[in-house]
Amino acid sequence: MTEKDKTPVYTCTEYRMEMILLALEKRLARPDLSKAEKQSIKAEINRLKVQMDME
């Protein structure tokens, strides 16, 4: 096996999930969100992190 073969594969799906996660985190920082919206966004962030093996 060569060094090139050891490079991890980074797919479009992984990139897309990262961009969604970043957008949700940015949206969560908005000061005008209701408590329910914040909880919903946090739940979605946690779901994505689990799916991405980040937690």
Protein backbone atom coordinates (compact mmCIF):
# COMPACT_ATOMS: atom_id res chain seq x y z
CA MET A 1 0.00 0.00 0.00
CA THR A 2 1.38 3.41 -0.95
CA GLU A 3 0.99 6.75 0.86
CA LYS A 4 -1.58 7.78 -1.74
CA ASP A 5 -3.77 4.82 -0.81
CA LYS A 6 -3.80 5.89 2.87
CA THR A 7 -5.39 9.27 2.16
CA PRO A 8 -8.88 9.38 3.70
CA VAL A 9 -11.74 9.80 1.28
CA TYR A 10 -13.63 13.09 1.61
CA THR A 11 -16.95 12.92 -0.17
CA CYS A 12 -19.43 15.50 -1.38
CA THR A 13 -21.87 14.22 1.24
CA GLU A 14 -19.41 14.91 4.04
CA TYR A 15 -18.74 18.39 2.68
CA ARG A 16 -22.46 19.07 2.42
CA MET A 17 -23.05 17.95 6.01
CA GLU A 18 -20.25 20.22 7.23
CA MET A 19 -21.74 23.19 5.42
CA ILE A 20 -25.18 22.47 6.87
CA LEU A 21 -23.65 22.23 10.34
CA LEU A 22 -21.86 25.56 9.90
CA ALA A 23 -25.04 27.23 8.67
CA LEU A 24 -27.01 25.91 11.65
CA GLU A 25 -24.35 27.11 14.08
CA LYS A 26 -24.38 30.53 12.45
CA ARG A 27 -28.16 30.63 12.60
CA LEU A 28 -28.08 29.64 16.28
CA ALA A 29 -26.00 32.74 17.03
CA ARG A 30 -28.80 35.06 15.90
CA PRO A 31 -30.18 37.07 18.83
CA ASP A 32 -33.76 37.17 17.51
CA LEU A 33 -34.50 33.43 17.78
CA SER A 34 -37.25 32.15 20.01
CA LYS A 35 -36.50 29.53 22.64
CA ALA A 36 -38.30 26.89 20.55
CA GLU A 37 -36.24 27.74 17.45
CA LYS A 38 -33.01 27.52 19.44
CA GLN A 39 -33.98 24.11 20.81
CA SER A 40 -34.87 22.88 17.33
CA ILE A 41 -31.59 24.08 15.86
CA LYS A 42 -29.59 22.58 18.74
CA ALA A 43 -31.34 19.25 18.23
CA GLU A 44 -30.52 19.31 14.52
CA ILE A 45 -26.88 20.22 15.26
CA ASN A 46 -26.62 17.31 17.69
CA ARG A 47 -28.20 14.93 15.18
CA LEU A 48 -25.74 15.98 12.50
CA LYS A 49 -22.77 15.67 14.84
CA VAL A 50 -23.78 12.14 15.76
CA GLN A 51 -24.23 11.28 12.09
CA MET A 52 -20.77 12.69 11.36
CA ASP A 53 -19.21 10.81 14.31
CA MET A 54 -18.30 14.07 16.02
CA GLU A 55 -19.97 13.12 19.33
